[in-house]
Amino acid sequence: MRLQKGTFILPCTDCKSMKKQFVIGLAGGFLGLFTALFVIITATMTDVTLSGVQAALFSSLGLMGAAIARKETRFAGWMLLSSSVWITVSVPIAGTLSLLYLYMPTIILLGAAAVLCFMEPEPEEKETEEG
């Protein structure tokens, strides 16, 4: 049996291709999703459940920002930063600030990934000569 070229997607073995922004944003996004799932499952009030759902949605925004951190660094930075800020804003909706301690690692990781995105130098655009 002969395989066609490009049939399988090989895993990237070059560790330099994964940027710090991607790894930290991915960790923050998944940590936020797991924390939100924990909050939703253990919630006793509807406000706490709503806060968990909102945090899960914003954590998924952070995951999307981490996914595009390689190509669109500035836009990914804005996505990660807004995700971190909106998780911080959506948690007090539940009427308690004790939930903020659960989400603090997520907020810090997403914010750190955003800062790393903004510290990345902008690639210079190539100008094409027409004539």
N, C-alpha and C. Protein backbone atom coordinates (compact mmCIF):
# COMPACT_ATOMS: atom_id res chain seq x y z
N MET A 1 0.85 -1.18 0.00
CA MET A 1 0.00 0.00 0.00
C MET A 1 0.90 1.23 0.00
N ARG A 2 0.62 2.12 -0.88
CA ARG A 2 1.43 3.31 -1.04
C ARG A 2 0.67 4.53 -0.52
N LEU A 3 1.31 5.34 0.33
CA LEU A 3 0.68 6.54 0.88
C LEU A 3 1.00 7.74 0.01
N GLN A 4 0.00 8.55 -0.17
CA GLN A 4 0.22 9.78 -0.92
C GLN A 4 0.91 10.79 -0.03
N LYS A 5 1.69 11.63 -0.64
CA LYS A 5 2.36 12.66 0.12
C LYS A 5 1.33 13.65 0.66
N GLY A 6 1.44 13.98 1.93
CA GLY A 6 0.50 14.92 2.54
C GLY A 6 -0.75 14.26 3.09
N THR A 7 -0.77 12.94 3.17
CA THR A 7 -1.95 12.26 3.68
C THR A 7 -2.07 12.44 5.19
N PHE A 8 -0.95 12.37 5.87
CA PHE A 8 -0.95 12.47 7.32
C PHE A 8 -0.34 13.79 7.76
N ILE A 9 -0.87 14.31 8.84
CA ILE A 9 -0.31 15.51 9.42
C ILE A 9 0.67 15.05 10.50
N LEU A 10 1.93 15.34 10.28
CA LEU A 10 2.94 14.93 11.23
C LEU A 10 3.03 15.94 12.35
N PRO A 11 3.24 15.49 13.59
CA PRO A 11 3.38 16.44 14.69
C PRO A 11 4.65 17.26 14.54
N CYS A 12 4.58 18.47 14.96
CA CYS A 12 5.72 19.37 14.86
C CYS A 12 6.77 18.96 15.88
N THR A 13 7.94 18.61 15.41
CA THR A 13 9.00 18.18 16.32
C THR A 13 9.94 19.32 16.66
N ASP A 14 9.78 20.44 16.03
CA ASP A 14 10.62 21.60 16.30
C ASP A 14 9.99 22.41 17.43
N CYS A 15 10.60 22.42 18.59
CA CYS A 15 10.03 23.11 19.75
C CYS A 15 10.06 24.62 19.59
N LYS A 16 10.88 25.12 18.68
CA LYS A 16 10.97 26.56 18.49
C LYS A 16 9.76 27.11 17.76
N SER A 17 8.97 26.23 17.13
CA SER A 17 7.82 26.72 16.39
C SER A 17 6.66 27.10 17.31
N MET A 18 6.65 26.58 18.55
CA MET A 18 5.61 26.96 19.50
C MET A 18 6.10 28.16 20.29
N LYS A 19 5.36 29.24 20.19
CA LYS A 19 5.75 30.45 20.89
C LYS A 19 5.29 30.39 22.34
N LYS A 20 5.93 31.20 23.16
CA LYS A 20 5.56 31.27 24.57
C LYS A 20 4.12 31.74 24.73
N GLN A 21 3.70 32.66 23.86
CA GLN A 21 2.35 33.18 23.94
C GLN A 21 1.33 32.06 23.76
N PHE A 22 1.63 31.16 22.83
CA PHE A 22 0.73 30.05 22.55
C PHE A 22 0.63 29.12 23.75
N VAL A 23 1.76 28.76 24.31
CA VAL A 23 1.78 27.80 25.42
C VAL A 23 1.11 28.38 26.66
N ILE A 24 1.45 29.62 27.01
CA ILE A 24 0.87 30.24 28.20
C ILE A 24 -0.62 30.52 27.99
N GLY A 25 -1.00 30.99 26.81
CA GLY A 25 -2.41 31.22 26.51
C GLY A 25 -3.22 29.94 26.53
N LEU A 26 -2.64 28.87 26.00
CA LEU A 26 -3.31 27.57 26.01
C LEU A 26 -3.52 27.09 27.45
N ALA A 27 -2.49 27.23 28.27
CA ALA A 27 -2.61 26.81 29.68
C ALA A 27 -3.67 27.64 30.40
N GLY A 28 -3.68 28.95 30.16
CA GLY A 28 -4.67 29.81 30.79
C GLY A 28 -6.09 29.52 30.32
N GLY A 29 -6.25 29.27 29.03
CA GLY A 29 -7.58 28.97 28.50
C GLY A 29 -8.15 27.67 29.04
N PHE A 30 -7.32 26.61 29.05
CA PHE A 30 -7.81 25.34 29.58
C PHE A 30 -8.04 25.40 31.08
N LEU A 31 -7.17 26.12 31.80
CA LEU A 31 -7.38 26.27 33.24
C LEU A 31 -8.68 27.02 33.52
N GLY A 32 -8.96 28.02 32.71
CA GLY A 32 -10.22 28.75 32.85
C GLY A 32 -11.43 27.88 32.56
N LEU A 33 -11.32 27.05 31.53
CA LEU A 33 -12.45 26.15 31.23
C LEU A 33 -12.68 25.14 32.34
N PHE A 34 -11.60 24.57 32.88
CA PHE A 34 -11.75 23.61 33.97
C PHE A 34 -12.30 24.26 35.23
N THR A 35 -11.84 25.48 35.52
CA THR A 35 -12.36 26.20 36.69
C THR A 35 -13.82 26.56 36.50
N ALA A 36 -14.19 26.98 35.30
CA ALA A 36 -15.59 27.32 35.03
C ALA A 36 -16.47 26.08 35.13
N LEU A 37 -15.99 24.96 34.63
CA LEU A 37 -16.75 23.71 34.74
C LEU A 37 -16.94 23.32 36.21
N PHE A 38 -15.89 23.48 37.01
CA PHE A 38 -15.99 23.19 38.44
C PHE A 38 -17.01 24.11 39.10
N VAL A 39 -16.98 25.39 38.76
CA VAL A 39 -17.92 26.35 39.34
C VAL A 39 -19.35 26.02 38.92
N ILE A 40 -19.55 25.66 37.66
CA ILE A 40 -20.90 25.34 37.18
C ILE A 40 -21.44 24.10 37.88
N ILE A 41 -20.60 23.08 38.05
CA ILE A 41 -21.06 21.83 38.66
C ILE A 41 -21.37 22.02 40.15
N THR A 42 -20.57 22.81 40.84
CA THR A 42 -20.77 22.97 42.28
C THR A 42 -21.62 24.17 42.64
N ALA A 43 -22.21 24.85 41.68
CA ALA A 43 -22.98 26.07 41.95
C ALA A 43 -24.29 25.74 42.66
N THR A 44 -24.63 26.60 43.62
CA THR A 44 -25.89 26.45 44.33
C THR A 44 -26.87 27.57 43.99
N MET A 45 -26.36 28.64 43.36
CA MET A 45 -27.22 29.75 42.96
C MET A 45 -27.11 29.96 41.45
N THR A 46 -28.15 30.50 40.88
CA THR A 46 -28.15 30.71 39.43
C THR A 46 -27.14 31.77 39.02
N ASP A 47 -26.89 32.76 39.89
CA ASP A 47 -25.91 33.79 39.55
C ASP A 47 -24.50 33.21 39.43
N VAL A 48 -24.18 32.24 40.29
CA VAL A 48 -22.87 31.60 40.24
C VAL A 48 -22.76 30.77 38.96
N THR A 49 -23.84 30.10 38.59
CA THR A 49 -23.85 29.32 37.36
C THR A 49 -23.65 30.23 36.14
N LEU A 50 -24.34 31.36 36.13
CA LEU A 50 -24.19 32.33 35.04
C LEU A 50 -22.76 32.84 34.96
N SER A 51 -22.17 33.12 36.10
CA SER A 51 -20.78 33.58 36.12
C SER A 51 -19.84 32.50 35.57
N GLY A 52 -20.10 31.25 35.88
CA GLY A 52 -19.28 30.15 35.36
C GLY A 52 -19.41 30.00 33.86
N VAL A 53 -20.62 30.16 33.35
CA VAL A 53 -20.85 30.06 31.90
C VAL A 53 -20.14 31.20 31.17
N GLN A 54 -20.24 32.40 31.73
CA GLN A 54 -19.56 33.54 31.11
C GLN A 54 -18.05 33.35 31.13
N ALA A 55 -17.53 32.86 32.23
CA ALA A 55 -16.09 32.64 32.32
C ALA A 55 -15.65 31.55 31.34
N ALA A 56 -16.49 30.54 31.12
CA ALA A 56 -16.16 29.50 30.14
C ALA A 56 -16.12 30.08 28.73
N LEU A 57 -17.05 30.95 28.41
CA LEU A 57 -17.06 31.58 27.08
C LEU A 57 -15.82 32.46 26.88
N PHE A 58 -15.47 33.23 27.89
CA PHE A 58 -14.30 34.09 27.75
C PHE A 58 -13.00 33.29 27.77
N SER A 59 -12.99 32.16 28.45
CA SER A 59 -11.81 31.28 28.40
C SER A 59 -11.64 30.69 27.02
N SER A 60 -12.76 30.37 26.36
CA SER A 60 -12.66 29.88 24.99
C SER A 60 -12.16 30.98 24.05
N LEU A 61 -12.50 32.23 24.34
CA LEU A 61 -11.94 33.36 23.57
C LEU A 61 -10.42 33.41 23.77
N GLY A 62 -9.97 33.15 24.98
CA GLY A 62 -8.54 33.10 25.24
C GLY A 62 -7.86 31.97 24.49
N LEU A 63 -8.52 30.82 24.40
CA LEU A 63 -7.98 29.70 23.62
C LEU A 63 -7.85 30.07 22.15
N MET A 64 -8.85 30.77 21.62
CA MET A 64 -8.77 31.20 20.23
C MET A 64 -7.65 32.20 20.02
N GLY A 65 -7.46 33.09 20.99
CA GLY A 65 -6.35 34.04 20.90
C GLY A 65 -5.01 33.34 20.93
N ALA A 66 -4.90 32.30 21.76
CA ALA A 66 -3.64 31.55 21.81
C ALA A 66 -3.39 30.81 20.51
N ALA A 67 -4.47 30.36 19.88
CA ALA A 67 -4.32 29.59 18.64
C ALA A 67 -3.78 30.44 17.49
N ILE A 68 -4.10 31.72 17.47
CA ILE A 68 -3.64 32.57 16.37
C ILE A 68 -2.42 33.40 16.74
N ALA A 69 -1.81 33.09 17.89
CA ALA A 69 -0.68 33.90 18.37
C ALA A 69 0.52 33.84 17.45
N ARG A 70 0.65 32.81 16.65
CA ARG A 70 1.80 32.71 15.76
C ARG A 70 1.68 33.64 14.56
N LYS A 71 0.51 33.72 13.97
CA LYS A 71 0.34 34.51 12.74
C LYS A 71 -0.06 35.95 13.02
N GLU A 72 -1.07 36.13 13.83
CA GLU A 72 -1.62 37.47 14.11
C GLU A 72 -1.32 37.83 15.56
N THR A 73 -0.10 38.23 15.84
CA THR A 73 0.34 38.40 17.21
C THR A 73 -0.39 39.53 17.93
N ARG A 74 -0.53 40.66 17.30
CA ARG A 74 -1.21 41.80 17.95
C ARG A 74 -2.68 41.51 18.20
N PHE A 75 -3.35 40.98 17.22
CA PHE A 75 -4.77 40.66 17.38
C PHE A 75 -4.96 39.60 18.46
N ALA A 76 -4.07 38.61 18.50
CA ALA A 76 -4.13 37.59 19.55
C ALA A 76 -3.91 38.22 20.92
N GLY A 77 -3.03 39.19 21.00
CA GLY A 77 -2.81 39.89 22.26
C GLY A 77 -4.06 40.60 22.76
N TRP A 78 -4.77 41.24 21.83
CA TRP A 78 -6.02 41.90 22.22
C TRP A 78 -7.07 40.89 22.64
N MET A 79 -7.12 39.75 21.96
CA MET A 79 -8.08 38.71 22.35
C MET A 79 -7.76 38.16 23.74
N LEU A 80 -6.49 37.90 24.00
CA LEU A 80 -6.09 37.37 25.31
C LEU A 80 -6.32 38.39 26.41
N LEU A 81 -6.02 39.65 26.14
CA LEU A 81 -6.22 40.70 27.14
C LEU A 81 -7.70 40.89 27.44
N SER A 82 -8.52 40.94 26.39
CA SER A 82 -9.96 41.12 26.63
C SER A 82 -10.55 39.91 27.34
N SER A 83 -10.05 38.73 27.05
CA SER A 83 -10.51 37.54 27.76
C SER A 83 -10.20 37.64 29.24
N SER A 84 -8.99 38.06 29.56
CA SER A 84 -8.59 38.20 30.96
C SER A 84 -9.42 39.26 31.68
N VAL A 85 -9.64 40.38 31.03
CA VAL A 85 -10.41 41.46 31.65
C VAL A 85 -11.87 41.05 31.83
N TRP A 86 -12.47 40.42 30.83
CA TRP A 86 -13.88 40.05 30.95
C TRP A 86 -14.12 38.93 31.94
N ILE A 87 -13.16 38.05 32.12
CA ILE A 87 -13.30 37.06 33.19
C ILE A 87 -13.27 37.77 34.54
N THR A 88 -12.38 38.74 34.68
CA THR A 88 -12.31 39.51 35.93
C THR A 88 -13.61 40.27 36.19
N VAL A 89 -14.23 40.79 35.15
CA VAL A 89 -15.47 41.55 35.30
C VAL A 89 -16.67 40.62 35.53
N SER A 90 -16.68 39.46 34.89
CA SER A 90 -17.86 38.60 34.99
C SER A 90 -17.96 37.83 36.30
N VAL A 91 -16.86 37.65 37.01
CA VAL A 91 -16.90 36.88 38.25
C VAL A 91 -17.68 37.61 39.35
N PRO A 92 -17.52 38.91 39.58
CA PRO A 92 -18.31 39.55 40.64
C PRO A 92 -19.81 39.61 40.37
N ILE A 93 -20.25 39.25 39.19
CA ILE A 93 -21.69 39.21 38.90
C ILE A 93 -22.39 38.24 39.83
N ALA A 94 -21.67 37.21 40.28
CA ALA A 94 -22.26 36.20 41.15
C ALA A 94 -22.52 36.75 42.55
N GLY A 95 -22.06 37.94 42.86
CA GLY A 95 -22.32 38.54 44.15
C GLY A 95 -21.29 38.18 45.21
N THR A 96 -20.25 37.48 44.82
CA THR A 96 -19.20 37.13 45.76
C THR A 96 -17.84 37.27 45.09
N LEU A 97 -16.89 37.79 45.82
CA LEU A 97 -15.55 37.94 45.28
C LEU A 97 -14.68 36.74 45.60
N SER A 98 -15.21 35.78 46.35
CA SER A 98 -14.41 34.59 46.67
C SER A 98 -14.15 33.74 45.42
N LEU A 99 -15.01 33.85 44.42
CA LEU A 99 -14.77 33.13 43.17
C LEU A 99 -13.57 33.69 42.41
N LEU A 100 -13.24 34.95 42.70
CA LEU A 100 -12.12 35.57 42.01
C LEU A 100 -10.81 34.85 42.33
N TYR A 101 -10.71 34.27 43.53
CA TYR A 101 -9.50 33.51 43.88
C TYR A 101 -9.38 32.25 43.04
N LEU A 102 -10.49 31.66 42.65
CA LEU A 102 -10.42 30.47 41.79
C LEU A 102 -9.95 30.82 40.39
N TYR A 103 -10.36 31.98 39.90
CA TYR A 103 -10.02 32.38 38.53
C TYR A 103 -8.71 33.15 38.43
N MET A 104 -8.09 33.47 39.56
CA MET A 104 -6.88 34.30 39.52
C MET A 104 -5.75 33.68 38.69
N PRO A 105 -5.44 32.37 38.79
CA PRO A 105 -4.39 31.83 37.92
C PRO A 105 -4.71 31.96 36.43
N THR A 106 -5.97 31.79 36.08
CA THR A 106 -6.39 31.95 34.70
C THR A 106 -6.18 33.38 34.23
N ILE A 107 -6.59 34.32 35.05
CA ILE A 107 -6.47 35.73 34.69
C ILE A 107 -5.00 36.11 34.52
N ILE A 108 -4.16 35.63 35.41
CA ILE A 108 -2.73 35.95 35.34
C ILE A 108 -2.10 35.33 34.10
N LEU A 109 -2.42 34.06 33.81
CA LEU A 109 -1.83 33.41 32.63
C LEU A 109 -2.27 34.07 31.33
N LEU A 110 -3.56 34.37 31.20
CA LEU A 110 -4.04 35.02 29.98
C LEU A 110 -3.46 36.42 29.84
N GLY A 111 -3.35 37.15 30.95
CA GLY A 111 -2.75 38.48 30.90
C GLY A 111 -1.27 38.43 30.54
N ALA A 112 -0.56 37.43 31.06
CA ALA A 112 0.86 37.29 30.74
C ALA A 112 1.06 36.95 29.27
N ALA A 113 0.19 36.09 28.73
CA ALA A 113 0.28 35.75 27.31
C ALA A 113 -0.01 36.98 26.45
N ALA A 114 -0.95 37.82 26.89
CA ALA A 114 -1.25 39.05 26.15
C ALA A 114 -0.05 40.00 26.16
N VAL A 115 0.58 40.13 27.31
CA VAL A 115 1.76 41.01 27.39
C VAL A 115 2.87 40.50 26.49
N LEU A 116 3.07 39.19 26.46
CA LEU A 116 4.09 38.61 25.58
C LEU A 116 3.76 38.86 24.11
N CYS A 117 2.48 38.85 23.77
CA CYS A 117 2.08 39.14 22.39
C CYS A 117 2.42 40.59 22.03
N PHE A 118 2.20 41.51 22.96
CA PHE A 118 2.47 42.91 22.67
C PHE A 118 3.96 43.22 22.67
N MET A 119 4.75 42.41 23.35
CA MET A 119 6.20 42.62 23.37
C MET A 119 6.87 42.09 22.10
N GLU A 120 6.18 41.26 21.36
CA GLU A 120 6.72 40.70 20.11
C GLU A 120 6.86 41.81 19.08
N PRO A 121 8.01 41.93 18.43
CA PRO A 121 8.17 42.98 17.41
C PRO A 121 7.26 42.70 16.21
N GLU A 122 6.73 43.78 15.67
CA GLU A 122 5.85 43.64 14.51
C GLU A 122 6.66 43.27 13.28
N PRO A 123 6.16 42.29 12.52
CA PRO A 123 6.89 41.95 11.29
C PRO A 123 6.73 43.07 10.26
N GLU A 124 7.81 43.31 9.54
CA GLU A 124 7.77 44.35 8.52
C GLU A 124 7.03 43.82 7.30
N GLU A 125 6.19 44.67 6.76
CA GLU A 125 5.43 44.28 5.58
C GLU A 125 6.32 44.38 4.35
N LYS A 126 6.19 43.40 3.49
CA LYS A 126 6.97 43.40 2.26
C LYS A 126 6.26 44.23 1.20
N GLU A 127 7.00 45.13 0.63
CA GLU A 127 6.42 45.97 -0.42
C GLU A 127 6.72 45.35 -1.77
N THR A 128 5.72 45.26 -2.57
CA THR A 128 5.92 44.71 -3.92
C THR A 128 6.13 45.85 -4.89
N GLU A 129 7.04 45.64 -5.78
CA GLU A 129 7.31 46.68 -6.78
C GLU A 129 6.44 46.42 -8.00
N GLU A 130 5.69 47.44 -8.35
CA GLU A 130 4.85 47.35 -9.55
C GLU A 130 5.44 48.26 -10.61
N GLY A 131 5.42 47.77 -11.79
CA GLY A 131 5.95 48.68 -12.78
C GLY A 131 5.92 48.10 -14.09
